[in-house]
PDB file of N, CA and C in Angstrom:
ATOM      1  N   MET A   1      -0.945  33.520  11.387  1.00  0.00           N
ATOM      2  CA  MET A   1      -2.236  32.910  11.204  1.00  0.00           C
ATOM      3  C   MET A   1      -3.330  33.969  11.349  1.00  0.00           C
ATOM      4  N   ILE A   2      -3.231  34.795  12.370  1.00  0.00           N
ATOM      5  CA  ILE A   2      -4.256  35.819  12.583  1.00  0.00           C
ATOM      6  C   ILE A   2      -4.254  36.838  11.448  1.00  0.00           C
ATOM      7  N   ALA A   3      -3.082  37.172  10.960  1.00  0.00           N
ATOM      8  CA  ALA A   3      -3.013  38.112   9.829  1.00  0.00           C
ATOM      9  C   ALA A   3      -3.736  37.542   8.610  1.00  0.00           C
ATOM     10  N   LEU A   4      -3.592  36.250   8.368  1.00  0.00           N
ATOM     11  CA  LEU A   4      -4.291  35.610   7.244  1.00  0.00           C
ATOM     12  C   LEU A   4      -5.799  35.637   7.462  1.00  0.00           C
ATOM     13  N   MET A   5      -6.221  35.431   8.699  1.00  0.00           N
ATOM     14  CA  MET A   5      -7.652  35.464   9.008  1.00  0.00           C
ATOM     15  C   MET A   5      -8.219  36.864   8.765  1.00  0.00           C
ATOM     16  N   GLU A   6      -7.494  37.884   9.222  1.00  0.00           N
ATOM     17  CA  GLU A   6      -7.945  39.264   9.002  1.00  0.00           C
ATOM     18  C   GLU A   6      -7.988  39.591   7.509  1.00  0.00           C
ATOM     19  N   LEU A   7      -6.991  39.137   6.772  1.00  0.00           N
ATOM     20  CA  LEU A   7      -6.950  39.376   5.333  1.00  0.00           C
ATOM     21  C   LEU A   7      -8.140  38.724   4.630  1.00  0.00           C
ATOM     22  N   ALA A   8      -8.482  37.511   5.048  1.00  0.00           N
ATOM     23  CA  ALA A   8      -9.638  36.828   4.448  1.00  0.00           C
ATOM     24  C   ALA A   8     -10.915  37.627   4.677  1.00  0.00           C
ATOM     25  N   ALA A   9     -11.088  38.166   5.885  1.00  0.00           N
ATOM     26  CA  ALA A   9     -12.277  38.967   6.184  1.00  0.00           C
ATOM     27  C   ALA A   9     -12.263  40.283   5.403  1.00  0.00           C
ATOM     28  N   ALA A  10     -11.100  40.909   5.298  1.00  0.00           N
ATOM     29  CA  ALA A  10     -10.996  42.159   4.536  1.00  0.00           C
ATOM     30  C   ALA A  10     -11.353  41.923   3.076  1.00  0.00           C
ATOM     31  N   ARG A  11     -10.891  40.835   2.518  1.00  0.00           N
ATOM     32  CA  ARG A  11     -11.227  40.512   1.123  1.00  0.00           C
ATOM     33  C   ARG A  11     -12.715  40.228   0.962  1.00  0.00           C
ATOM     34  N   ALA A  12     -13.323  39.598   1.963  1.00  0.00           N
ATOM     35  CA  ALA A  12     -14.756  39.320   1.899  1.00  0.00           C
ATOM     36  C   ALA A  12     -15.571  40.609   1.928  1.00  0.00           C
ATOM     37  N   MET A  13     -15.038  41.650   2.559  1.00  0.00           N
ATOM     38  CA  MET A  13     -15.748  42.923   2.652  1.00  0.00           C
ATOM     39  C   MET A  13     -15.567  43.807   1.432  1.00  0.00           C
ATOM     40  N   ALA A  14     -14.587  43.540   0.616  1.00  0.00           N
ATOM     41  CA  ALA A  14     -14.264  44.415  -0.518  1.00  0.00           C
ATOM     42  C   ALA A  14     -15.477  44.793  -1.367  1.00  0.00           C
ATOM     43  N   PRO A  15     -16.393  43.882  -1.670  1.00  0.00           N
ATOM     44  CA  PRO A  15     -17.526  44.255  -2.520  1.00  0.00           C
ATOM     45  C   PRO A  15     -18.492  45.269  -1.892  1.00  0.00           C
ATOM     46  N   VAL A  16     -18.490  45.427  -0.586  1.00  0.00           N
ATOM     47  CA  VAL A  16     -19.438  46.356   0.053  1.00  0.00           C
ATOM     48  C   VAL A  16     -18.833  47.731   0.318  1.00  0.00           C
ATOM     49  N   LEU A  17     -17.555  47.881   0.027  1.00  0.00           N
ATOM     50  CA  LEU A  17     -16.896  49.161   0.284  1.00  0.00           C
ATOM     51  C   LEU A  17     -17.159  50.144  -0.840  1.00  0.00           C
ATOM     52  N   GLY A  18     -17.416  51.404  -0.458  1.00  0.00           N
ATOM     53  CA  GLY A  18     -17.601  52.454  -1.437  1.00  0.00           C
ATOM     54  C   GLY A  18     -16.273  53.092  -1.803  1.00  0.00           C
ATOM     55  N   ASP A  19     -16.321  54.035  -2.736  1.00  0.00           N
ATOM     56  CA  ASP A  19     -15.123  54.778  -3.117  1.00  0.00           C
ATOM     57  C   ASP A  19     -14.554  55.482  -1.900  1.00  0.00           C
ATOM     58  N   GLY A  20     -13.257  55.360  -1.695  1.00  0.00           N
ATOM     59  CA  GLY A  20     -12.594  56.025  -0.588  1.00  0.00           C
ATOM     60  C   GLY A  20     -12.774  55.346   0.751  1.00  0.00           C
ATOM     61  N   GLU A  21     -13.332  54.142   0.767  1.00  0.00           N
ATOM     62  CA  GLU A  21     -13.512  53.411   2.028  1.00  0.00           C
ATOM     63  C   GLU A  21     -12.563  52.228   2.117  1.00  0.00           C
ATOM     64  N   ASN A  22     -12.189  51.904   3.326  1.00  0.00           N
ATOM     65  CA  ASN A  22     -11.422  50.700   3.652  1.00  0.00           C
ATOM     66  C   ASN A  22     -12.103  50.041   4.833  1.00  0.00           C
ATOM     67  N   SER A  23     -11.751  48.790   5.091  1.00  0.00           N
ATOM     68  CA  SER A  23     -12.195  48.166   6.331  1.00  0.00           C
ATOM     69  C   SER A  23     -10.979  47.973   7.217  1.00  0.00           C
ATOM     70  N   VAL A  24     -11.205  48.092   8.518  1.00  0.00           N
ATOM     71  CA  VAL A  24     -10.129  47.904   9.486  1.00  0.00           C
ATOM     72  C   VAL A  24     -10.576  46.896  10.530  1.00  0.00           C
ATOM     73  N   GLY A  25      -9.634  46.096  10.999  1.00  0.00           N
ATOM     74  CA  GLY A  25      -9.919  45.146  12.049  1.00  0.00           C
ATOM     75  C   GLY A  25     -10.117  45.871  13.374  1.00  0.00           C
ATOM     76  N   VAL A  26     -11.128  45.446  14.117  1.00  0.00           N
ATOM     77  CA  VAL A  26     -11.435  46.056  15.403  1.00  0.00           C
ATOM     78  C   VAL A  26     -11.129  45.091  16.544  1.00  0.00           C
ATOM     79  N   THR A  27     -11.598  43.855  16.425  1.00  0.00           N
ATOM     80  CA  THR A  27     -11.307  42.848  17.451  1.00  0.00           C
ATOM     81  C   THR A  27     -11.027  41.502  16.793  1.00  0.00           C
ATOM     82  N   VAL A  28     -10.254  40.692  17.495  1.00  0.00           N
ATOM     83  CA  VAL A  28     -10.057  39.294  17.125  1.00  0.00           C
ATOM     84  C   VAL A  28     -10.189  38.461  18.398  1.00  0.00           C
ATOM     85  N   ASP A  29     -10.891  37.353  18.287  1.00  0.00           N
ATOM     86  CA  ASP A  29     -11.028  36.394  19.384  1.00  0.00           C
ATOM     87  C   ASP A  29     -10.747  35.030  18.768  1.00  0.00           C
ATOM     88  N   ILE A  30      -9.496  34.626  18.839  1.00  0.00           N
ATOM     89  CA  ILE A  30      -9.012  33.468  18.088  1.00  0.00           C
ATOM     90  C   ILE A  30      -8.442  32.413  19.028  1.00  0.00           C
ATOM     91  N   GLU A  31      -8.716  31.164  18.704  1.00  0.00           N
ATOM     92  CA  GLU A  31      -8.090  30.045  19.410  1.00  0.00           C
ATOM     93  C   GLU A  31      -7.163  29.337  18.421  1.00  0.00           C
ATOM     94  N   HIS A  32      -5.889  29.247  18.791  1.00  0.00           N
ATOM     95  CA  HIS A  32      -4.899  28.547  17.962  1.00  0.00           C
ATOM     96  C   HIS A  32      -4.838  27.122  18.495  1.00  0.00           C
ATOM     97  N   THR A  33      -5.319  26.151  17.711  1.00  0.00           N
ATOM     98  CA  THR A  33      -5.525  24.797  18.226  1.00  0.00           C
ATOM     99  C   THR A  33      -4.457  23.774  17.858  1.00  0.00           C
ATOM    100  N   SER A  34      -3.709  24.013  16.784  1.00  0.00           N
ATOM    101  CA  SER A  34      -2.709  23.026  16.340  1.00  0.00           C
ATOM    102  C   SER A  34      -1.534  23.723  15.679  1.00  0.00           C
ATOM    103  N   PRO A  35      -0.338  23.167  15.851  1.00  0.00           N
ATOM    104  CA  PRO A  35       0.826  23.747  15.170  1.00  0.00           C
ATOM    105  C   PRO A  35       0.897  23.285  13.720  1.00  0.00           C
ATOM    106  N   THR A  36       1.541  24.100  12.909  1.00  0.00           N
ATOM    107  CA  THR A  36       1.812  23.748  11.517  1.00  0.00           C
ATOM    108  C   THR A  36       3.311  23.526  11.384  1.00  0.00           C
ATOM    109  N   PRO A  37       3.739  22.446  10.731  1.00  0.00           N
ATOM    110  CA  PRO A  37       5.179  22.212  10.558  1.00  0.00           C
ATOM    111  C   PRO A  37       5.839  23.353   9.788  1.00  0.00           C
ATOM    112  N   ALA A  38       7.101  23.600  10.070  1.00  0.00           N
ATOM    113  CA  ALA A  38       7.855  24.627   9.342  1.00  0.00           C
ATOM    114  C   ALA A  38       7.732  24.374   7.849  1.00  0.00           C
ATOM    115  N   GLY A  39       7.440  25.429   7.111  1.00  0.00           N
ATOM    116  CA  GLY A  39       7.288  25.323   5.664  1.00  0.00           C
ATOM    117  C   GLY A  39       5.913  24.874   5.219  1.00  0.00           C
ATOM    118  N   GLY A  40       5.027  24.594   6.179  1.00  0.00           N
ATOM    119  CA  GLY A  40       3.675  24.158   5.838  1.00  0.00           C
ATOM    120  C   GLY A  40       2.856  25.285   5.240  1.00  0.00           C
ATOM    121  N   ARG A  41       1.869  24.933   4.456  1.00  0.00           N
ATOM    122  CA  ARG A  41       0.987  25.903   3.796  1.00  0.00           C
ATOM    123  C   ARG A  41      -0.247  26.124   4.661  1.00  0.00           C
ATOM    124  N   VAL A  42      -0.559  27.394   4.936  1.00  0.00           N
ATOM    125  CA  VAL A  42      -1.725  27.755   5.743  1.00  0.00           C
ATOM    126  C   VAL A  42      -2.664  28.618   4.896  1.00  0.00           C
ATOM    127  N   THR A  43      -3.950  28.316   4.965  1.00  0.00           N
ATOM    128  CA  THR A  43      -4.966  29.123   4.308  1.00  0.00           C
ATOM    129  C   THR A  43      -5.986  29.572   5.347  1.00  0.00           C
ATOM    130  N   ALA A  44      -6.711  30.626   5.039  1.00  0.00           N
ATOM    131  CA  ALA A  44      -7.738  31.127   5.946  1.00  0.00           C
ATOM    132  C   ALA A  44      -9.007  31.448   5.186  1.00  0.00           C
ATOM    133  N   GLU A  45     -10.134  31.280   5.853  1.00  0.00           N
ATOM    134  CA  GLU A  45     -11.445  31.602   5.293  1.00  0.00           C
ATOM    135  C   GLU A  45     -12.176  32.490   6.285  1.00  0.00           C
ATOM    136  N   ALA A  46     -13.011  33.364   5.765  1.00  0.00           N
ATOM    137  CA  ALA A  46     -13.861  34.204   6.597  1.00  0.00           C
ATOM    138  C   ALA A  46     -15.298  34.048   6.118  1.00  0.00           C
ATOM    139  N   HIS A  47     -16.198  33.824   7.059  1.00  0.00           N
ATOM    140  CA  HIS A  47     -17.616  33.671   6.740  1.00  0.00           C
ATOM    141  C   HIS A  47     -18.382  34.779   7.460  1.00  0.00           C
ATOM    142  N   TYR A  48     -19.105  35.571   6.691  1.00  0.00           N
ATOM    143  CA  TYR A  48     -19.862  36.694   7.223  1.00  0.00           C
ATOM    144  C   TYR A  48     -21.020  36.176   8.079  1.00  0.00           C
ATOM    145  N   LEU A  49     -21.111  36.683   9.315  1.00  0.00           N
ATOM    146  CA  LEU A  49     -22.169  36.267  10.228  1.00  0.00           C
ATOM    147  C   LEU A  49     -23.269  37.317  10.389  1.00  0.00           C
ATOM    148  N   GLY A  50     -22.960  38.558  10.051  1.00  0.00           N
ATOM    149  CA  GLY A  50     -23.942  39.623  10.216  1.00  0.00           C
ATOM    150  C   GLY A  50     -23.285  40.853  10.806  1.00  0.00           C
ATOM    151  N   ARG A  51     -24.130  41.778  11.261  1.00  0.00           N
ATOM    152  CA  ARG A  51     -23.601  43.029  11.810  1.00  0.00           C
ATOM    153  C   ARG A  51     -23.976  43.176  13.272  1.00  0.00           C
ATOM    154  N   GLU A  52     -23.098  43.852  13.989  1.00  0.00           N
ATOM    155  CA  GLU A  52     -23.353  44.279  15.358  1.00  0.00           C
ATOM    156  C   GLU A  52     -23.197  45.790  15.349  1.00  0.00           C
ATOM    157  N   GLY A  53     -24.294  46.494  15.161  1.00  0.00           N
ATOM    158  CA  GLY A  53     -24.215  47.941  15.003  1.00  0.00           C
ATOM    159  C   GLY A  53     -23.477  48.269  13.717  1.00  0.00           C
ATOM    160  N   LYS A  54     -22.394  49.036  13.836  1.00  0.00           N
ATOM    161  CA  LYS A  54     -21.607  49.416  12.664  1.00  0.00           C
ATOM    162  C   LYS A  54     -20.535  48.388  12.313  1.00  0.00           C
ATOM    163  N   LEU A  55     -20.374  47.361  13.132  1.00  0.00           N
ATOM    164  CA  LEU A  55     -19.307  46.381  12.922  1.00  0.00           C
ATOM    165  C   LEU A  55     -19.805  45.172  12.135  1.00  0.00           C
ATOM    166  N   TYR A  56     -18.935  44.659  11.293  1.00  0.00           N
ATOM    167  CA  TYR A  56     -19.197  43.455  10.507  1.00  0.00           C
ATOM    168  C   TYR A  56     -18.536  42.285  11.223  1.00  0.00           C
ATOM    169  N   LEU A  57     -19.303  41.235  11.475  1.00  0.00           N
ATOM    170  CA  LEU A  57     -18.829  40.087  12.248  1.00  0.00           C
ATOM    171  C   LEU A  57     -18.553  38.899  11.322  1.00  0.00           C
ATOM    172  N   PHE A  58     -17.402  38.272  11.524  1.00  0.00           N
ATOM    173  CA  PHE A  58     -16.986  37.116  10.728  1.00  0.00           C
ATOM    174  C   PHE A  58     -16.576  35.958  11.617  1.00  0.00           C
ATOM    175  N   GLU A  59     -16.867  34.746  11.153  1.00  0.00           N
ATOM    176  CA  GLU A  59     -16.233  33.560  11.709  1.00  0.00           C
ATOM    177  C   GLU A  59     -15.020  33.312  10.825  1.00  0.00           C
ATOM    178  N   VAL A  60     -13.867  33.109  11.429  1.00  0.00           N
ATOM    179  CA  VAL A  60     -12.646  32.871  10.664  1.00  0.00           C
ATOM    180  C   VAL A  60     -12.055  31.517  11.040  1.00  0.00           C
ATOM    181  N   VAL A  61     -11.506  30.845  10.029  1.00  0.00           N
ATOM    182  CA  VAL A  61     -10.916  29.522  10.222  1.00  0.00           C
ATOM    183  C   VAL A  61      -9.611  29.468   9.447  1.00  0.00           C
ATOM    184  N   ALA A  62      -8.569  28.930  10.073  1.00  0.00           N
ATOM    185  CA  ALA A  62      -7.285  28.713   9.395  1.00  0.00           C
ATOM    186  C   ALA A  62      -7.020  27.207   9.339  1.00  0.00           C
ATOM    187  N   ARG A  63      -6.476  26.787   8.203  1.00  0.00           N
ATOM    188  CA  ARG A  63      -6.188  25.364   7.997  1.00  0.00           C
ATOM    189  C   ARG A  63      -4.800  25.171   7.407  1.00  0.00           C
ATOM    190  N   ASP A  64      -4.222  24.022   7.704  1.00  0.00           N
ATOM    191  CA  ASP A  64      -3.038  23.574   6.971  1.00  0.00           C
ATOM    192  C   ASP A  64      -3.425  22.270   6.278  1.00  0.00           C
ATOM    193  N   ASP A  65      -2.466  21.569   5.715  1.00  0.00           N
ATOM    194  CA  ASP A  65      -2.784  20.352   4.957  1.00  0.00           C
ATOM    195  C   ASP A  65      -3.411  19.253   5.814  1.00  0.00           C
ATOM    196  N   ALA A  66      -3.209  19.309   7.135  1.00  0.00           N
ATOM    197  CA  ALA A  66      -3.749  18.276   8.021  1.00  0.00           C
ATOM    198  C   ALA A  66      -5.111  18.650   8.612  1.00  0.00           C
ATOM    199  N   GLY A  67      -5.528  19.903   8.447  1.00  0.00           N
ATOM    200  CA  GLY A  67      -6.838  20.291   8.977  1.00  0.00           C
ATOM    201  C   GLY A  67      -6.820  21.647   9.654  1.00  0.00           C
ATOM    202  N   ILE A  68      -7.814  21.881  10.492  1.00  0.00           N
ATOM    203  CA  ILE A  68      -7.979  23.172  11.166  1.00  0.00           C
ATOM    204  C   ILE A  68      -6.874  23.386  12.202  1.00  0.00           C
ATOM    205  N   ILE A  69      -6.291  24.588  12.159  1.00  0.00           N
ATOM    206  CA  ILE A  69      -5.250  24.956  13.131  1.00  0.00           C
ATOM    207  C   ILE A  69      -5.683  26.102  14.035  1.00  0.00           C
ATOM    208  N   GLY A  70      -6.776  26.774  13.658  1.00  0.00           N
ATOM    209  CA  GLY A  70      -7.280  27.864  14.477  1.00  0.00           C
ATOM    210  C   GLY A  70      -8.630  28.323  13.988  1.00  0.00           C
ATOM    211  N   ARG A  71      -9.394  28.908  14.925  1.00  0.00           N
ATOM    212  CA  ARG A  71     -10.701  29.429  14.557  1.00  0.00           C
ATOM    213  C   ARG A  71     -11.128  30.468  15.564  1.00  0.00           C
ATOM    214  N   GLY A  72     -12.081  31.283  15.161  1.00  0.00           N
ATOM    215  CA  GLY A  72     -12.586  32.289  16.079  1.00  0.00           C
ATOM    216  C   GLY A  72     -13.468  33.279  15.374  1.00  0.00           C
ATOM    217  N   ARG A  73     -13.584  34.462  15.999  1.00  0.00           N
ATOM    218  CA  ARG A  73     -14.418  35.537  15.445  1.00  0.00           C
ATOM    219  C   ARG A  73     -13.591  36.804  15.286  1.00  0.00           C
ATOM    220  N   HIS A  74     -13.996  37.581  14.306  1.00  0.00           N
ATOM    221  CA  HIS A  74     -13.276  38.811  13.971  1.00  0.00           C
ATOM    222  C   HIS A  74     -14.291  39.874  13.584  1.00  0.00           C
ATOM    223  N   LYS A  75     -14.100  41.097  14.099  1.00  0.00           N
ATOM    224  CA  LYS A  75     -14.986  42.208  13.759  1.00  0.00           C
ATOM    225  C   LYS A  75     -14.204  43.255  12.984  1.00  0.00           C
ATOM    226  N   ARG A  76     -14.877  43.846  11.993  1.00  0.00           N
ATOM    227  CA  ARG A  76     -14.282  44.886  11.162  1.00  0.00           C
ATOM    228  C   ARG A  76     -15.225  46.070  11.057  1.00  0.00           C
ATOM    229  N   ALA A  77     -14.642  47.236  10.840  1.00  0.00           N
ATOM    230  CA  ALA A  77     -15.408  48.461  10.654  1.00  0.00           C
ATOM    231  C   ALA A  77     -15.048  49.078   9.317  1.00  0.00           C
ATOM    232  N   VAL A  78     -16.002  49.792   8.727  1.00  0.00           N
ATOM    233  CA  VAL A  78     -15.754  50.536   7.494  1.00  0.00           C
ATOM    234  C   VAL A  78     -15.331  51.948   7.897  1.00  0.00           C
ATOM    235  N   VAL A  79     -14.230  52.417   7.298  1.00  0.00           N
ATOM    236  CA  VAL A  79     -13.694  53.741   7.610  1.00  0.00           C
ATOM    237  C   VAL A  79     -13.387  54.502   6.324  1.00  0.00           C
ATOM    238  N   ASP A  80     -13.326  55.812   6.456  1.00  0.00           N
ATOM    239  CA  ASP A  80     -12.889  56.672   5.364  1.00  0.00           C
ATOM    240  C   ASP A  80     -11.372  56.524   5.240  1.00  0.00           C
ATOM    241  N   ALA A  81     -10.899  56.085   4.088  1.00  0.00           N
ATOM    242  CA  ALA A  81      -9.469  55.793   3.903  1.00  0.00           C
ATOM    243  C   ALA A  81      -8.594  57.019   4.141  1.00  0.00           C
ATOM    244  N   ASN A  82      -8.975  58.176   3.604  1.00  0.00           N
ATOM    245  CA  ASN A  82      -8.166  59.385   3.786  1.00  0.00           C
ATOM    246  C   ASN A  82      -8.106  59.809   5.249  1.00  0.00           C
ATOM    247  N   ARG A  83      -9.230  59.705   5.929  1.00  0.00           N
ATOM    248  CA  ARG A  83      -9.270  60.113   7.338  1.00  0.00           C
ATOM    249  C   ARG A  83      -8.390  59.211   8.207  1.00  0.00           C
ATOM    250  N   ILE A  84      -8.452  57.903   7.994  1.00  0.00           N
ATOM    251  CA  ILE A  84      -7.652  56.987   8.821  1.00  0.00           C
ATOM    252  C   ILE A  84      -6.165  57.149   8.531  1.00  0.00           C
ATOM    253  N   GLU A  85      -5.810  57.415   7.269  1.00  0.00           N
ATOM    254  CA  GLU A  85      -4.406  57.640   6.930  1.00  0.00           C
ATOM    255  C   GLU A  85      -3.898  58.930   7.566  1.00  0.00           C
ATOM    256  N   ALA A  86      -4.735  59.975   7.600  1.00  0.00           N
ATOM    257  CA  ALA A  86      -4.347  61.248   8.236  1.00  0.00           C
ATOM    258  C   ALA A  86      -4.150  61.056   9.733  1.00  0.00           C
ATOM    259  N   ARG A  87      -5.028  60.293  10.374  1.00  0.00           N
ATOM    260  CA  ARG A  87      -4.876  60.037  11.809  1.00  0.00           C
ATOM    261  C   ARG A  87      -3.605  59.258  12.101  1.00  0.00           C
ATOM    262  N   ALA A  88      -3.286  58.289  11.235  1.00  0.00           N
ATOM    263  CA  ALA A  88      -2.064  57.509  11.427  1.00  0.00           C
ATOM    264  C   ALA A  88      -0.829  58.395  11.254  1.00  0.00           C
ATOM    265  N   ALA A  89      -0.872  59.293  10.280  1.00  0.00           N
ATOM    266  CA  ALA A  89       0.246  60.223  10.057  1.00  0.00           C
ATOM    267  C   ALA A  89       0.442  61.142  11.265  1.00  0.00           C
ATOM    268  N   GLU A  90      -0.660  61.608  11.861  1.00  0.00           N
ATOM    269  CA  GLU A  90      -0.574  62.432  13.058  1.00  0.00           C
ATOM    270  C   GLU A  90       0.110  61.693  14.203  1.00  0.00           C
ATOM    271  N   ARG A  91      -0.237  60.444  14.366  1.00  0.00           N
ATOM    272  CA  ARG A  91       0.395  59.642  15.435  1.00  0.00           C
ATOM    273  C   ARG A  91       1.877  59.470  15.167  1.00  0.00           C
ATOM    274  N   GLY A  92       2.245  59.310  13.904  1.00  0.00           N
ATOM    275  CA  GLY A  92       3.659  59.151  13.545  1.00  0.00           C
ATOM    276  C   GLY A  92       4.457  60.408  13.783  1.00  0.00           C
ATOM    277  N   SER A  93       3.850  61.570  13.593  1.00  0.00           N
ATOM    278  CA  SER A  93       4.569  62.824  13.795  1.00  0.00           C
ATOM    279  C   SER A  93       4.625  63.233  15.260  1.00  0.00           C
ATOM    280  N   ALA A  94       3.876  62.545  16.116  1.00  0.00           N
ATOM    281  CA  ALA A  94       3.873  62.867  17.542  1.00  0.00           C
ATOM    282  C   ALA A  94       5.084  62.317  18.273  1.00  0.00           C
ATOM    283  N   ARG A  95       5.898  61.567  17.607  1.00  0.00           N
ATOM    284  CA  ARG A  95       7.056  60.944  18.276  1.00  0.00           C
ATOM    285  C   ARG A  95       8.121  61.931  18.577  1.00  0.00           C
TER     286      ARG A  95
END
């Protein structure tokens, strides 16, 4: 559910990203309020609330066919795609 919420926010940010930029999740504050039956369909929406410094703030909501199953807030940051990939590679080689 949280992955779907983050994906919804990332997709909402796509139009503001420049060449070579990605957005990354920084924080999630989510309440999971209801279970979804096995095989149930879950969707997520992200609504832009504004900025807190360099971070983009979203309200996120997940639903199944019966209604809301979770909601909360999610913050994302814009990063240089090449730089973040290089940092991740460095961490992988440190093992």
